[in-house]
Amino acid sequence: MDVRVTIVETRTIERTYYVSGVNSLEAAGKCAERCAGRRFQPNTYLWREVPRPPTYHLEKYEVVES
């Protein structure tokens, strides 16, 4: 039997940002989101980037021929 198997690989990266001069946690979160989206944010910089091991899960099986 010939089977086509699709596997989805998910890569996760944990990024920690340093934000200065904000008045609330919500404002700090918005600044970090802007910086993560590659937009200019003068009071925020990427402090640490930690890659995590990828995860895999089987998406689907398709019988090509038996």
PDB file of N, CA and C in Angstrom:
ATOM      1  N   MET A   1       0.848  -1.172   0.000  1.00  0.00           N
ATOM      2  CA  MET A   1       0.000   0.000   0.000  1.00  0.00           C
ATOM      3  C   MET A   1       0.893   1.234   0.000  1.00  0.00           C
ATOM      4  N   ASP A   2       0.576   2.219  -0.805  1.00  0.00           N
ATOM      5  CA  ASP A   2       1.283   3.496  -0.843  1.00  0.00           C
ATOM      6  C   ASP A   2       0.430   4.541  -0.139  1.00  0.00           C
ATOM      7  N   VAL A   3       1.040   5.238   0.797  1.00  0.00           N
ATOM      8  CA  VAL A   3       0.307   6.232   1.587  1.00  0.00           C
ATOM      9  C   VAL A   3       1.096   7.531   1.606  1.00  0.00           C
ATOM     10  N   ARG A   4       0.411   8.620   1.438  1.00  0.00           N
ATOM     11  CA  ARG A   4       1.008   9.947   1.564  1.00  0.00           C
ATOM     12  C   ARG A   4       0.634  10.468   2.950  1.00  0.00           C
ATOM     13  N   VAL A   5       1.619  10.815   3.750  1.00  0.00           N
ATOM     14  CA  VAL A   5       1.404  11.277   5.125  1.00  0.00           C
ATOM     15  C   VAL A   5       1.873  12.722   5.235  1.00  0.00           C
ATOM     16  N   THR A   6       1.024  13.583   5.766  1.00  0.00           N
ATOM     17  CA  THR A   6       1.373  14.986   5.972  1.00  0.00           C
ATOM     18  C   THR A   6       1.645  15.212   7.457  1.00  0.00           C
ATOM     19  N   ILE A   7       2.827  15.748   7.749  1.00  0.00           N
ATOM     20  CA  ILE A   7       3.223  16.060   9.123  1.00  0.00           C
ATOM     21  C   ILE A   7       3.418  17.571   9.212  1.00  0.00           C
ATOM     22  N   VAL A   8       2.839  18.181  10.246  1.00  0.00           N
ATOM     23  CA  VAL A   8       2.977  19.621  10.451  1.00  0.00           C
ATOM     24  C   VAL A   8       4.000  19.845  11.564  1.00  0.00           C
ATOM     25  N   GLU A   9       4.998  20.662  11.252  1.00  0.00           N
ATOM     26  CA  GLU A   9       6.026  20.999  12.222  1.00  0.00           C
ATOM     27  C   GLU A   9       5.779  22.418  12.715  1.00  0.00           C
ATOM     28  N   THR A  10       5.736  22.581  14.016  1.00  0.00           N
ATOM     29  CA  THR A  10       5.520  23.887  14.617  1.00  0.00           C
ATOM     30  C   THR A  10       6.785  24.285  15.376  1.00  0.00           C
ATOM     31  N   ARG A  11       7.344  25.409  14.985  1.00  0.00           N
ATOM     32  CA  ARG A  11       8.539  25.912  15.674  1.00  0.00           C
ATOM     33  C   ARG A  11       8.132  27.069  16.584  1.00  0.00           C
ATOM     34  N   THR A  12       8.618  27.022  17.808  1.00  0.00           N
ATOM     35  CA  THR A  12       8.290  28.039  18.795  1.00  0.00           C
ATOM     36  C   THR A  12       9.563  28.749  19.240  1.00  0.00           C
ATOM     37  N   ILE A  13       9.492  30.065  19.287  1.00  0.00           N
ATOM     38  CA  ILE A  13      10.607  30.869  19.777  1.00  0.00           C
ATOM     39  C   ILE A  13      10.075  31.775  20.877  1.00  0.00           C
ATOM     40  N   GLU A  14      10.722  31.711  22.027  1.00  0.00           N
ATOM     41  CA  GLU A  14      10.333  32.582  23.140  1.00  0.00           C
ATOM     42  C   GLU A  14      11.195  33.829  23.081  1.00  0.00           C
ATOM     43  N   ARG A  15      10.549  34.980  22.951  1.00  0.00           N
ATOM     44  CA  ARG A  15      11.266  36.254  22.890  1.00  0.00           C
ATOM     45  C   ARG A  15      10.917  37.087  24.127  1.00  0.00           C
ATOM     46  N   THR A  16      11.940  37.640  24.742  1.00  0.00           N
ATOM     47  CA  THR A  16      11.752  38.514  25.896  1.00  0.00           C
ATOM     48  C   THR A  16      12.205  39.913  25.495  1.00  0.00           C
ATOM     49  N   TYR A  17      11.338  40.895  25.728  1.00  0.00           N
ATOM     50  CA  TYR A  17      11.631  42.277  25.368  1.00  0.00           C
ATOM     51  C   TYR A  17      11.821  43.112  26.614  1.00  0.00           C
ATOM     52  N   TYR A  18      12.695  44.093  26.527  1.00  0.00           N
ATOM     53  CA  TYR A  18      12.896  45.069  27.593  1.00  0.00           C
ATOM     54  C   TYR A  18      12.224  46.361  27.160  1.00  0.00           C
ATOM     55  N   VAL A  19      11.305  46.847  27.995  1.00  0.00           N
ATOM     56  CA  VAL A  19      10.548  48.069  27.682  1.00  0.00           C
ATOM     57  C   VAL A  19      10.805  49.074  28.798  1.00  0.00           C
ATOM     58  N   SER A  20      11.156  50.291  28.433  1.00  0.00           N
ATOM     59  CA  SER A  20      11.419  51.319  29.450  1.00  0.00           C
ATOM     60  C   SER A  20      10.454  52.486  29.296  1.00  0.00           C
ATOM     61  N   GLY A  21      10.189  53.144  30.416  1.00  0.00           N
ATOM     62  CA  GLY A  21       9.409  54.376  30.408  1.00  0.00           C
ATOM     63  C   GLY A  21       7.922  54.218  30.141  1.00  0.00           C
ATOM     64  N   VAL A  22       7.296  53.154  30.629  1.00  0.00           N
ATOM     65  CA  VAL A  22       5.852  52.982  30.444  1.00  0.00           C
ATOM     66  C   VAL A  22       5.153  53.103  31.791  1.00  0.00           C
ATOM     67  N   ASN A  23       3.845  53.389  31.731  1.00  0.00           N
ATOM     68  CA  ASN A  23       3.075  53.597  32.956  1.00  0.00           C
ATOM     69  C   ASN A  23       2.237  52.393  33.362  1.00  0.00           C
ATOM     70  N   SER A  24       2.092  51.401  32.492  1.00  0.00           N
ATOM     71  CA  SER A  24       1.254  50.249  32.824  1.00  0.00           C
ATOM     72  C   SER A  24       1.759  49.002  32.121  1.00  0.00           C
ATOM     73  N   LEU A  25       1.294  47.860  32.592  1.00  0.00           N
ATOM     74  CA  LEU A  25       1.654  46.592  31.968  1.00  0.00           C
ATOM     75  C   LEU A  25       1.056  46.479  30.564  1.00  0.00           C
ATOM     76  N   GLU A  26      -0.138  47.027  30.383  1.00  0.00           N
ATOM     77  CA  GLU A  26      -0.785  46.990  29.070  1.00  0.00           C
ATOM     78  C   GLU A  26       0.028  47.768  28.038  1.00  0.00           C
ATOM     79  N   ALA A  27       0.535  48.940  28.447  1.00  0.00           N
ATOM     80  CA  ALA A  27       1.354  49.747  27.543  1.00  0.00           C
ATOM     81  C   ALA A  27       2.651  49.011  27.206  1.00  0.00           C
ATOM     82  N   ALA A  28       3.246  48.341  28.186  1.00  0.00           N
ATOM     83  CA  ALA A  28       4.466  47.570  27.942  1.00  0.00           C
ATOM     84  C   ALA A  28       4.189  46.430  26.971  1.00  0.00           C
ATOM     85  N   GLY A  29       3.056  45.771  27.139  1.00  0.00           N
ATOM     86  CA  GLY A  29       2.687  44.684  26.231  1.00  0.00           C
ATOM     87  C   GLY A  29       2.491  45.173  24.810  1.00  0.00           C
ATOM     88  N   LYS A  30       1.850  46.323  24.639  1.00  0.00           N
ATOM     89  CA  LYS A  30       1.645  46.876  23.298  1.00  0.00           C
ATOM     90  C   LYS A  30       2.970  47.272  22.647  1.00  0.00           C
ATOM     91  N   CYS A  31       3.880  47.831  23.429  1.00  0.00           N
ATOM     92  CA  CYS A  31       5.197  48.188  22.898  1.00  0.00           C
ATOM     93  C   CYS A  31       5.945  46.934  22.442  1.00  0.00           C
ATOM     94  N   ALA A  32       5.893  45.885  23.249  1.00  0.00           N
ATOM     95  CA  ALA A  32       6.569  44.637  22.891  1.00  0.00           C
ATOM     96  C   ALA A  32       5.942  44.019  21.643  1.00  0.00           C
ATOM     97  N   GLU A  33       4.619  44.085  21.512  1.00  0.00           N
ATOM     98  CA  GLU A  33       3.957  43.557  20.310  1.00  0.00           C
ATOM     99  C   GLU A  33       4.375  44.333  19.061  1.00  0.00           C
ATOM    100  N   ARG A  34       4.496  45.648  19.183  1.00  0.00           N
ATOM    101  CA  ARG A  34       4.943  46.448  18.043  1.00  0.00           C
ATOM    102  C   ARG A  34       6.370  46.071  17.643  1.00  0.00           C
ATOM    103  N   CYS A  35       7.225  45.904  18.622  1.00  0.00           N
ATOM    104  CA  CYS A  35       8.613  45.529  18.353  1.00  0.00           C
ATOM    105  C   CYS A  35       8.672  44.126  17.734  1.00  0.00           C
ATOM    106  N   ALA A  36       7.843  43.210  18.217  1.00  0.00           N
ATOM    107  CA  ALA A  36       7.807  41.850  17.666  1.00  0.00           C
ATOM    108  C   ALA A  36       7.305  41.858  16.232  1.00  0.00           C
ATOM    109  N   GLY A  37       6.440  42.811  15.891  1.00  0.00           N
ATOM    110  CA  GLY A  37       5.932  42.942  14.532  1.00  0.00           C
ATOM    111  C   GLY A  37       6.860  43.719  13.622  1.00  0.00           C
ATOM    112  N   ARG A  38       8.094  43.937  14.071  1.00  0.00           N
ATOM    113  CA  ARG A  38       9.128  44.624  13.288  1.00  0.00           C
ATOM    114  C   ARG A  38       8.793  46.084  12.998  1.00  0.00           C
ATOM    115  N   ARG A  39       7.998  46.700  13.895  1.00  0.00           N
ATOM    116  CA  ARG A  39       7.727  48.128  13.751  1.00  0.00           C
ATOM    117  C   ARG A  39       8.645  48.897  14.693  1.00  0.00           C
ATOM    118  N   PHE A  40       8.926  50.132  14.371  1.00  0.00           N
ATOM    119  CA  PHE A  40       9.835  50.955  15.172  1.00  0.00           C
ATOM    120  C   PHE A  40       9.217  51.245  16.533  1.00  0.00           C
ATOM    121  N   GLN A  41       9.945  50.955  17.582  1.00  0.00           N
ATOM    122  CA  GLN A  41       9.515  51.238  18.948  1.00  0.00           C
ATOM    123  C   GLN A  41      10.764  51.665  19.710  1.00  0.00           C
ATOM    124  N   PRO A  42      10.956  52.977  19.916  1.00  0.00           N
ATOM    125  CA  PRO A  42      12.235  53.472  20.449  1.00  0.00           C
ATOM    126  C   PRO A  42      12.552  53.046  21.879  1.00  0.00           C
ATOM    127  N   ASN A  43      11.554  52.737  22.689  1.00  0.00           N
ATOM    128  CA  ASN A  43      11.823  52.393  24.088  1.00  0.00           C
ATOM    129  C   ASN A  43      11.817  50.886  24.336  1.00  0.00           C
ATOM    130  N   THR A  44      11.881  50.066  23.275  1.00  0.00           N
ATOM    131  CA  THR A  44      11.787  48.620  23.409  1.00  0.00           C
ATOM    132  C   THR A  44      12.894  47.953  22.599  1.00  0.00           C
ATOM    133  N   TYR A  45      13.495  46.923  23.196  1.00  0.00           N
ATOM    134  CA  TYR A  45      14.455  46.141  22.420  1.00  0.00           C
ATOM    135  C   TYR A  45      14.381  44.675  22.825  1.00  0.00           C
ATOM    136  N   LEU A  46      14.781  43.832  21.895  1.00  0.00           N
ATOM    137  CA  LEU A  46      14.786  42.393  22.130  1.00  0.00           C
ATOM    138  C   LEU A  46      15.903  42.066  23.092  1.00  0.00           C
ATOM    139  N   TRP A  47      15.547  41.496  24.218  1.00  0.00           N
ATOM    140  CA  TRP A  47      16.517  41.217  25.258  1.00  0.00           C
ATOM    141  C   TRP A  47      17.061  39.800  25.138  1.00  0.00           C
ATOM    142  N   ARG A  48      16.158  38.825  24.865  1.00  0.00           N
ATOM    143  CA  ARG A  48      16.593  37.428  24.788  1.00  0.00           C
ATOM    144  C   ARG A  48      15.682  36.668  23.836  1.00  0.00           C
ATOM    145  N   GLU A  49      16.262  35.763  23.068  1.00  0.00           N
ATOM    146  CA  GLU A  49      15.495  34.928  22.152  1.00  0.00           C
ATOM    147  C   GLU A  49      15.912  33.482  22.380  1.00  0.00           C
ATOM    148  N   VAL A  50      14.944  32.646  22.770  1.00  0.00           N
ATOM    149  CA  VAL A  50      15.236  31.255  23.094  1.00  0.00           C
ATOM    150  C   VAL A  50      14.428  30.353  22.162  1.00  0.00           C
ATOM    151  N   PRO A  51      15.095  29.627  21.267  1.00  0.00           N
ATOM    152  CA  PRO A  51      14.358  28.690  20.421  1.00  0.00           C
ATOM    153  C   PRO A  51      13.974  27.450  21.212  1.00  0.00           C
ATOM    154  N   ARG A  52      12.780  26.981  20.991  1.00  0.00           N
ATOM    155  CA  ARG A  52      12.281  25.763  21.631  1.00  0.00           C
ATOM    156  C   ARG A  52      12.311  24.629  20.618  1.00  0.00           C
ATOM    157  N   PRO A  53      12.401  23.391  21.083  1.00  0.00           N
ATOM    158  CA  PRO A  53      12.382  22.272  20.137  1.00  0.00           C
ATOM    159  C   PRO A  53      11.060  22.250  19.371  1.00  0.00           C
ATOM    160  N   PRO A  54      11.102  21.890  18.093  1.00  0.00           N
ATOM    161  CA  PRO A  54       9.856  21.858  17.315  1.00  0.00           C
ATOM    162  C   PRO A  54       8.944  20.728  17.763  1.00  0.00           C
ATOM    163  N   THR A  55       7.663  20.921  17.557  1.00  0.00           N
ATOM    164  CA  THR A  55       6.687  19.862  17.823  1.00  0.00           C
ATOM    165  C   THR A  55       6.130  19.381  16.490  1.00  0.00           C
ATOM    166  N   TYR A  56       5.762  18.130  16.443  1.00  0.00           N
ATOM    167  CA  TYR A  56       5.242  17.517  15.227  1.00  0.00           C
ATOM    168  C   TYR A  56       3.903  16.869  15.530  1.00  0.00           C
ATOM    169  N   HIS A  57       2.977  16.957  14.590  1.00  0.00           N
ATOM    170  CA  HIS A  57       1.753  16.168  14.694  1.00  0.00           C
ATOM    171  C   HIS A  57       1.301  15.761  13.298  1.00  0.00           C
ATOM    172  N   LEU A  58       0.715  14.601  13.246  1.00  0.00           N
ATOM    173  CA  LEU A  58       0.260  14.069  11.970  1.00  0.00           C
ATOM    174  C   LEU A  58      -1.016  14.774  11.564  1.00  0.00           C
ATOM    175  N   GLU A  59      -1.004  15.340  10.383  1.00  0.00           N
ATOM    176  CA  GLU A  59      -2.145  16.110   9.895  1.00  0.00           C
ATOM    177  C   GLU A  59      -3.149  15.226   9.171  1.00  0.00           C
ATOM    178  N   LYS A  60      -2.675  14.414   8.222  1.00  0.00           N
ATOM    179  CA  LYS A  60      -3.629  13.575   7.483  1.00  0.00           C
ATOM    180  C   LYS A  60      -2.902  12.434   6.791  1.00  0.00           C
ATOM    181  N   TYR A  61      -3.679  11.416   6.465  1.00  0.00           N
ATOM    182  CA  TYR A  61      -3.219  10.272   5.703  1.00  0.00           C
ATOM    183  C   TYR A  61      -4.025  10.221   4.412  1.00  0.00           C
ATOM    184  N   GLU A  62      -3.360   9.891   3.340  1.00  0.00           N
ATOM    185  CA  GLU A  62      -4.040   9.785   2.064  1.00  0.00           C
ATOM    186  C   GLU A  62      -3.533   8.522   1.364  1.00  0.00           C
ATOM    187  N   VAL A  63      -4.433   7.575   1.136  1.00  0.00           N
ATOM    188  CA  VAL A  63      -4.057   6.344   0.450  1.00  0.00           C
ATOM    189  C   VAL A  63      -3.954   6.647  -1.024  1.00  0.00           C
ATOM    190  N   VAL A  64      -2.766   6.460  -1.577  1.00  0.00           N
ATOM    191  CA  VAL A  64      -2.532   6.763  -2.988  1.00  0.00           C
ATOM    192  C   VAL A  64      -2.933   5.583  -3.846  1.00  0.00           C
ATOM    193  N   GLU A  65      -2.558   4.381  -3.415  1.00  0.00           N
ATOM    194  CA  GLU A  65      -2.884   3.182  -4.183  1.00  0.00           C
ATOM    195  C   GLU A  65      -2.710   1.976  -3.271  1.00  0.00           C
ATOM    196  N   SER A  66      -3.494   0.951  -3.489  1.00  0.00           N
ATOM    197  CA  SER A  66      -3.389  -0.227  -2.617  1.00  0.00           C
ATOM    198  C   SER A  66      -2.882  -1.427  -3.359  1.00  0.00           C
TER     199      SER A  66
END
